Amino acid sequence: MGNRKTLENGAHLRPVKRFVRLLLAAVLLLIVGLPLYAVPATLSLPRGRRPGLEKLTITQAAWRLRKTGKTGWPLVEAARVLVAARMQYCRRNSFDTAAKAFERGYGYCQQQAYALTALLTQLGFEAQVVHAFRNKFPDGSVSGHAWVSVTVNGETRYVDSLYYNAQAGRLAFTPLTKVRAYTPIFRLLAGWGSTAVNAHRYYVTGKDE
């Protein structure tokens, strides 16, 4: 009787075990497959720095900006302009850290936002990366985006190296959903997912922008 009951329980558990195995296989495929999908795009980008750029790290950039004698918001703007000028938008170096992307002169929004945050932090400012899942851009498109929140003398503003109205001192796009700070977990997930998303856009359009 006991053996029969055990066999019946085992039979009932087989579909559950099969589902768990399939689920684990799907998760593994997703974890490995998404980054692998981006490899051809990554290999298509020439190695090293963007042509015409001098060798420059974020620490060296901070030292250079300090020497200008600027302080407060003018110094924040100088840092923003430096990152904007150095980092060309790119969909093919998503595996690079923000620091590496800055040195190479390429980077999508998350890389640029973290590079600018690191630069502002080294300059002594309180800065953090923020994002919204939906934002409306000047061309009418709507998508997710990451930028920087910086505080100077108790005043907090948003700055961005990609979409910014420098004359007005404000973002050149409109967040449509709640603006949230990047968490370590979200940064990991967003960075992992972006490798495939950016590569797919590159494969479809053949362009980095």
C-alpha atoms as a PDB file:
ATOM      1  CA  MET A   1       0.000   0.000   0.000  1.00  0.00           C
ATOM      2  CA  GLY A   2       2.790   2.363   0.979  1.00  0.00           C
ATOM      3  CA  ASN A   3       4.700   1.678  -2.234  1.00  0.00           C
ATOM      4  CA  ARG A   4       1.606   2.294  -4.338  1.00  0.00           C
ATOM      5  CA  LYS A   5       1.009   5.636  -2.641  1.00  0.00           C
ATOM      6  CA  THR A   6       4.615   6.637  -3.191  1.00  0.00           C
ATOM      7  CA  LEU A   7       4.360   5.774  -6.885  1.00  0.00           C
ATOM      8  CA  GLU A   8       1.152   7.796  -7.239  1.00  0.00           C
ATOM      9  CA  ASN A   9       2.758  10.814  -5.565  1.00  0.00           C
ATOM     10  CA  GLY A  10       5.769  10.470  -7.841  1.00  0.00           C
ATOM     11  CA  ALA A  11       3.513  10.426 -10.907  1.00  0.00           C
ATOM     12  CA  HIS A  12       1.751  13.586  -9.737  1.00  0.00           C
ATOM     13  CA  LEU A  13       5.083  15.341  -9.248  1.00  0.00           C
ATOM     14  CA  ARG A  14       6.469  14.522 -12.691  1.00  0.00           C
ATOM     15  CA  PRO A  15       4.643  17.363 -14.525  1.00  0.00           C
ATOM     16  CA  VAL A  16       5.783  19.811 -11.848  1.00  0.00           C
ATOM     17  CA  LYS A  17       9.392  18.670 -12.099  1.00  0.00           C
ATOM     18  CA  ARG A  18       9.202  18.837 -15.887  1.00  0.00           C
ATOM     19  CA  PHE A  19       7.849  22.398 -15.704  1.00  0.00           C
ATOM     20  CA  VAL A  20      10.589  23.448 -13.278  1.00  0.00           C
ATOM     21  CA  ARG A  21      13.266  21.990 -15.553  1.00  0.00           C
ATOM     22  CA  LEU A  22      11.813  23.784 -18.579  1.00  0.00           C
ATOM     23  CA  LEU A  23      11.587  27.021 -16.622  1.00  0.00           C
ATOM     24  CA  LEU A  24      15.204  26.759 -15.484  1.00  0.00           C
ATOM     25  CA  ALA A  25      16.298  25.985 -19.034  1.00  0.00           C
ATOM     26  CA  ALA A  26      14.389  29.018 -20.341  1.00  0.00           C
ATOM     27  CA  VAL A  27      15.948  31.274 -17.703  1.00  0.00           C
ATOM     28  CA  LEU A  28      19.419  29.953 -18.475  1.00  0.00           C
ATOM     29  CA  LEU A  29      18.844  30.469 -22.194  1.00  0.00           C
ATOM     30  CA  LEU A  30      17.696  34.026 -21.510  1.00  0.00           C
ATOM     31  CA  ILE A  31      20.671  34.816 -19.276  1.00  0.00           C
ATOM     32  CA  VAL A  32      23.201  33.443 -21.739  1.00  0.00           C
ATOM     33  CA  GLY A  33      21.353  34.114 -24.985  1.00  0.00           C
ATOM     34  CA  LEU A  34      20.785  37.862 -24.648  1.00  0.00           C
ATOM     35  CA  PRO A  35      24.455  38.763 -24.181  1.00  0.00           C
ATOM     36  CA  LEU A  36      25.505  36.316 -26.919  1.00  0.00           C
ATOM     37  CA  TYR A  37      23.078  38.029 -29.294  1.00  0.00           C
ATOM     38  CA  ALA A  38      25.065  41.252 -28.845  1.00  0.00           C
ATOM     39  CA  VAL A  39      28.503  39.752 -29.537  1.00  0.00           C
ATOM     40  CA  PRO A  40      28.515  40.320 -33.337  1.00  0.00           C
ATOM     41  CA  ALA A  41      27.596  43.985 -32.824  1.00  0.00           C
ATOM     42  CA  THR A  42      30.330  44.359 -30.218  1.00  0.00           C
ATOM     43  CA  LEU A  43      32.943  42.809 -32.500  1.00  0.00           C
ATOM     44  CA  SER A  44      31.945  45.137 -35.346  1.00  0.00           C
ATOM     45  CA  LEU A  45      33.096  48.202 -33.382  1.00  0.00           C
ATOM     46  CA  PRO A  46      36.829  48.922 -33.796  1.00  0.00           C
ATOM     47  CA  ARG A  47      38.764  48.351 -30.593  1.00  0.00           C
ATOM     48  CA  GLY A  48      40.268  51.194 -28.625  1.00  0.00           C
ATOM     49  CA  ARG A  49      39.378  54.874 -28.488  1.00  0.00           C
ATOM     50  CA  ARG A  50      37.179  56.679 -30.954  1.00  0.00           C
ATOM     51  CA  PRO A  51      39.395  58.180 -33.682  1.00  0.00           C
ATOM     52  CA  GLY A  52      40.675  61.646 -32.835  1.00  0.00           C
ATOM     53  CA  LEU A  53      40.233  61.359 -29.071  1.00  0.00           C
ATOM     54  CA  GLU A  54      43.076  61.887 -26.640  1.00  0.00           C
ATOM     55  CA  LYS A  55      43.649  59.441 -23.817  1.00  0.00           C
ATOM     56  CA  LEU A  56      41.576  60.619 -20.863  1.00  0.00           C
ATOM     57  CA  THR A  57      40.150  58.939 -17.768  1.00  0.00           C
ATOM     58  CA  ILE A  58      37.346  60.243 -15.567  1.00  0.00           C
ATOM     59  CA  THR A  59      39.871  61.066 -12.827  1.00  0.00           C
ATOM     60  CA  GLN A  60      42.022  63.013 -15.278  1.00  0.00           C
ATOM     61  CA  ALA A  61      38.940  64.823 -16.564  1.00  0.00           C
ATOM     62  CA  ALA A  62      38.004  65.833 -13.008  1.00  0.00           C
ATOM     63  CA  TRP A  63      41.519  67.182 -12.419  1.00  0.00           C
ATOM     64  CA  ARG A  64      41.333  69.151 -15.670  1.00  0.00           C
ATOM     65  CA  LEU A  65      37.951  70.657 -14.782  1.00  0.00           C
ATOM     66  CA  ARG A  66      39.135  71.689 -11.320  1.00  0.00           C
ATOM     67  CA  LYS A  67      41.935  73.675 -12.952  1.00  0.00           C
ATOM     68  CA  THR A  68      39.370  75.846 -14.783  1.00  0.00           C
ATOM     69  CA  GLY A  69      38.520  77.524 -11.472  1.00  0.00           C
ATOM     70  CA  LYS A  70      34.802  77.019 -12.051  1.00  0.00           C
ATOM     71  CA  THR A  71      32.525  76.108  -9.149  1.00  0.00           C
ATOM     72  CA  GLY A  72      28.864  75.301  -8.581  1.00  0.00           C
ATOM     73  CA  TRP A  73      26.534  75.001 -11.540  1.00  0.00           C
ATOM     74  CA  PRO A  74      29.053  76.333 -14.088  1.00  0.00           C
ATOM     75  CA  LEU A  75      31.353  73.449 -13.105  1.00  0.00           C
ATOM     76  CA  VAL A  76      28.457  70.974 -13.399  1.00  0.00           C
ATOM     77  CA  GLU A  77      27.728  72.299 -16.886  1.00  0.00           C
ATOM     78  CA  ALA A  78      31.388  72.021 -17.857  1.00  0.00           C
ATOM     79  CA  ALA A  79      31.367  68.371 -16.764  1.00  0.00           C
ATOM     80  CA  ARG A  80      28.165  67.703 -18.685  1.00  0.00           C
ATOM     81  CA  VAL A  81      29.566  69.304 -21.839  1.00  0.00           C
ATOM     82  CA  LEU A  82      32.778  67.300 -21.551  1.00  0.00           C
ATOM     83  CA  VAL A  83      30.921  63.996 -21.320  1.00  0.00           C
ATOM     84  CA  ALA A  84      28.572  64.998 -24.153  1.00  0.00           C
ATOM     85  CA  ALA A  85      31.474  65.930 -26.403  1.00  0.00           C
ATOM     86  CA  ARG A  86      33.613  62.908 -25.601  1.00  0.00           C
ATOM     87  CA  MET A  87      31.026  60.123 -25.566  1.00  0.00           C
ATOM     88  CA  GLN A  88      29.401  59.498 -28.910  1.00  0.00           C
ATOM     89  CA  TYR A  89      26.136  57.573 -28.654  1.00  0.00           C
ATOM     90  CA  CYS A  90      26.820  53.944 -29.509  1.00  0.00           C
ATOM     91  CA  ARG A  91      24.866  50.690 -29.492  1.00  0.00           C
ATOM     92  CA  ARG A  92      27.867  48.410 -29.865  1.00  0.00           C
ATOM     93  CA  ASN A  93      29.910  48.760 -26.675  1.00  0.00           C
ATOM     94  CA  SER A  94      27.213  47.901 -24.142  1.00  0.00           C
ATOM     95  CA  PHE A  95      29.541  45.485 -22.327  1.00  0.00           C
ATOM     96  CA  ASP A  96      31.905  48.331 -21.386  1.00  0.00           C
ATOM     97  CA  THR A  97      31.804  49.794 -17.887  1.00  0.00           C
ATOM     98  CA  ALA A  98      30.975  53.498 -17.713  1.00  0.00           C
ATOM     99  CA  ALA A  99      34.617  54.327 -17.033  1.00  0.00           C
ATOM    100  CA  LYS A 100      35.797  52.249 -19.990  1.00  0.00           C
ATOM    101  CA  ALA A 101      33.110  53.706 -22.238  1.00  0.00           C
ATOM    102  CA  PHE A 102      34.236  57.217 -21.263  1.00  0.00           C
ATOM    103  CA  GLU A 103      37.843  56.404 -22.103  1.00  0.00           C
ATOM    104  CA  ARG A 104      36.863  54.896 -25.454  1.00  0.00           C
ATOM    105  CA  GLY A 105      34.514  57.767 -26.297  1.00  0.00           C
ATOM    106  CA  TYR A 106      31.404  55.667 -26.919  1.00  0.00           C
ATOM    107  CA  GLY A 107      28.323  54.929 -24.848  1.00  0.00           C
ATOM    108  CA  TYR A 108      24.544  54.676 -24.664  1.00  0.00           C
ATOM    109  CA  CYS A 109      22.481  56.587 -22.107  1.00  0.00           C
ATOM    110  CA  GLN A 110      23.198  54.439 -19.038  1.00  0.00           C
ATOM    111  CA  GLN A 111      26.950  54.487 -19.659  1.00  0.00           C
ATOM    112  CA  GLN A 112      26.938  58.242 -20.224  1.00  0.00           C
ATOM    113  CA  ALA A 113      24.830  58.868 -17.135  1.00  0.00           C
ATOM    114  CA  TYR A 114      27.128  56.798 -14.916  1.00  0.00           C
ATOM    115  CA  ALA A 115      30.240  58.404 -16.412  1.00  0.00           C
ATOM    116  CA  LEU A 116      28.828  61.872 -15.734  1.00  0.00           C
ATOM    117  CA  THR A 117      27.801  60.858 -12.209  1.00  0.00           C
ATOM    118  CA  ALA A 118      31.296  59.535 -11.492  1.00  0.00           C
ATOM    119  CA  LEU A 119      32.831  62.741 -12.826  1.00  0.00           C
ATOM    120  CA  LEU A 120      30.511  64.965 -10.782  1.00  0.00           C
ATOM    121  CA  THR A 121      31.151  62.881  -7.668  1.00  0.00           C
ATOM    122  CA  GLN A 122      34.901  63.297  -8.069  1.00  0.00           C
ATOM    123  CA  LEU A 123      34.302  67.032  -8.355  1.00  0.00           C
ATOM    124  CA  GLY A 124      32.611  66.944  -4.963  1.00  0.00           C
ATOM    125  CA  PHE A 125      28.968  67.082  -5.997  1.00  0.00           C
ATOM    126  CA  GLU A 126      26.113  64.882  -4.825  1.00  0.00           C
ATOM    127  CA  ALA A 127      24.935  63.074  -7.946  1.00  0.00           C
ATOM    128  CA  GLN A 128      23.019  59.937  -8.848  1.00  0.00           C
ATOM    129  CA  VAL A 129      21.659  58.226 -11.950  1.00  0.00           C
ATOM    130  CA  VAL A 130      17.884  58.335 -12.417  1.00  0.00           C
ATOM    131  CA  HIS A 131      15.547  56.962 -15.066  1.00  0.00           C
ATOM    132  CA  ALA A 132      11.980  56.794 -16.303  1.00  0.00           C
ATOM    133  CA  PHE A 133      10.512  53.906 -18.258  1.00  0.00           C
ATOM    134  CA  ARG A 134       8.761  56.212 -20.726  1.00  0.00           C
ATOM    135  CA  ASN A 135      10.011  59.582 -21.935  1.00  0.00           C
ATOM    136  CA  LYS A 136       8.926  61.732 -24.852  1.00  0.00           C
ATOM    137  CA  PHE A 137      11.817  63.079 -26.930  1.00  0.00           C
ATOM    138  CA  PRO A 138      11.995  66.065 -29.303  1.00  0.00           C
ATOM    139  CA  ASP A 139      11.461  63.859 -32.374  1.00  0.00           C
ATOM    140  CA  GLY A 140       8.222  62.514 -30.882  1.00  0.00           C
ATOM    141  CA  SER A 141       9.601  59.081 -29.993  1.00  0.00           C
ATOM    142  CA  VAL A 142       8.882  57.506 -26.627  1.00  0.00           C
ATOM    143  CA  SER A 143      11.295  55.199 -24.796  1.00  0.00           C
ATOM    144  CA  GLY A 144      13.178  54.602 -21.569  1.00  0.00           C
ATOM    145  CA  HIS A 145      16.128  56.798 -20.680  1.00  0.00           C
ATOM    146  CA  ALA A 146      18.712  57.369 -17.938  1.00  0.00           C
ATOM    147  CA  TRP A 147      20.157  60.718 -16.876  1.00  0.00           C
ATOM    148  CA  VAL A 148      21.620  62.424 -13.800  1.00  0.00           C
ATOM    149  CA  SER A 149      20.238  64.174 -10.735  1.00  0.00           C
ATOM    150  CA  VAL A 150      22.778  66.530  -9.138  1.00  0.00           C
ATOM    151  CA  THR A 151      22.561  68.699  -6.029  1.00  0.00           C
ATOM    152  CA  VAL A 152      24.509  71.926  -5.526  1.00  0.00           C
ATOM    153  CA  ASN A 153      24.117  73.914  -2.300  1.00  0.00           C
ATOM    154  CA  GLY A 154      20.796  72.256  -1.531  1.00  0.00           C
ATOM    155  CA  GLU A 155      19.351  72.765  -5.037  1.00  0.00           C
ATOM    156  CA  THR A 156      18.686  69.680  -7.140  1.00  0.00           C
ATOM    157  CA  ARG A 157      18.480  69.684 -10.920  1.00  0.00           C
ATOM    158  CA  TYR A 158      18.431  67.138 -13.709  1.00  0.00           C
ATOM    159  CA  VAL A 159      21.254  67.180 -16.275  1.00  0.00           C
ATOM    160  CA  ASP A 160      21.826  64.977 -19.299  1.00  0.00           C
ATOM    161  CA  SER A 161      24.680  64.564 -21.757  1.00  0.00           C
ATOM    162  CA  LEU A 162      22.349  63.532 -24.580  1.00  0.00           C
ATOM    163  CA  TYR A 163      19.111  65.522 -24.506  1.00  0.00           C
ATOM    164  CA  TYR A 164      19.595  68.843 -22.793  1.00  0.00           C
ATOM    165  CA  ASN A 165      18.691  72.478 -23.402  1.00  0.00           C
ATOM    166  CA  ALA A 166      21.808  74.210 -22.092  1.00  0.00           C
ATOM    167  CA  GLN A 167      20.426  77.700 -22.691  1.00  0.00           C
ATOM    168  CA  ALA A 168      17.344  76.974 -20.591  1.00  0.00           C
ATOM    169  CA  GLY A 169      19.237  74.762 -18.144  1.00  0.00           C
ATOM    170  CA  ARG A 170      16.760  71.896 -18.359  1.00  0.00           C
ATOM    171  CA  LEU A 171      16.118  68.532 -19.972  1.00  0.00           C
ATOM    172  CA  ALA A 172      15.147  68.539 -23.639  1.00  0.00           C
ATOM    173  CA  PHE A 173      12.688  65.677 -23.165  1.00  0.00           C
ATOM    174  CA  THR A 174       9.685  64.985 -20.953  1.00  0.00           C
ATOM    175  CA  PRO A 175       9.446  62.030 -18.536  1.00  0.00           C
ATOM    176  CA  LEU A 176       6.006  60.431 -18.907  1.00  0.00           C
ATOM    177  CA  THR A 177       6.333  58.023 -15.999  1.00  0.00           C
ATOM    178  CA  LYS A 178       7.715  58.376 -12.492  1.00  0.00           C
ATOM    179  CA  VAL A 179      11.388  59.285 -12.255  1.00  0.00           C
ATOM    180  CA  ARG A 180      13.246  56.761 -10.112  1.00  0.00           C
ATOM    181  CA  ALA A 181      16.791  56.396  -8.856  1.00  0.00           C
ATOM    182  CA  TYR A 182      18.817  53.501 -10.241  1.00  0.00           C
ATOM    183  CA  THR A 183      19.259  50.715  -7.707  1.00  0.00           C
ATOM    184  CA  PRO A 184      22.196  48.271  -7.923  1.00  0.00           C
ATOM    185  CA  ILE A 185      19.849  45.456  -8.960  1.00  0.00           C
ATOM    186  CA  PHE A 186      18.094  47.568 -11.585  1.00  0.00           C
ATOM    187  CA  ARG A 187      21.449  48.719 -12.931  1.00  0.00           C
ATOM    188  CA  LEU A 188      22.529  45.105 -13.349  1.00  0.00           C
ATOM    189  CA  LEU A 189      19.279  44.075 -15.038  1.00  0.00           C
ATOM    190  CA  ALA A 190      19.105  47.165 -17.247  1.00  0.00           C
ATOM    191  CA  GLY A 191      22.712  46.776 -18.314  1.00  0.00           C
ATOM    192  CA  TRP A 192      22.234  43.085 -19.089  1.00  0.00           C
ATOM    193  CA  GLY A 193      19.056  43.670 -21.090  1.00  0.00           C
ATOM    194  CA  SER A 194      20.454  46.692 -22.901  1.00  0.00           C
ATOM    195  CA  THR A 195      23.222  44.657 -24.519  1.00  0.00           C
ATOM    196  CA  ALA A 196      20.646  42.772 -26.608  1.00  0.00           C
ATOM    197  CA  VAL A 197      18.271  45.718 -27.127  1.00  0.00           C
ATOM    198  CA  ASN A 198      21.037  48.008 -28.351  1.00  0.00           C
ATOM    199  CA  ALA A 199      22.480  45.302 -30.589  1.00  0.00           C
ATOM    200  CA  HIS A 200      19.060  44.558 -32.082  1.00  0.00           C
ATOM    201  CA  ARG A 201      18.535  48.228 -32.922  1.00  0.00           C
ATOM    202  CA  TYR A 202      21.940  48.273 -34.557  1.00  0.00           C
ATOM    203  CA  TYR A 203      21.198  45.123 -36.582  1.00  0.00           C
ATOM    204  CA  VAL A 204      17.870  46.568 -37.759  1.00  0.00           C
ATOM    205  CA  THR A 205      19.041  50.094 -38.597  1.00  0.00           C
ATOM    206  CA  GLY A 206      22.758  49.627 -39.211  1.00  0.00           C
ATOM    207  CA  LYS A 207      23.264  52.777 -37.160  1.00  0.00           C
ATOM    208  CA  ASP A 208      24.463  53.652 -33.657  1.00  0.00           C
ATOM    209  CA  GLU A 209      21.867  56.389 -33.204  1.00  0.00           C
END
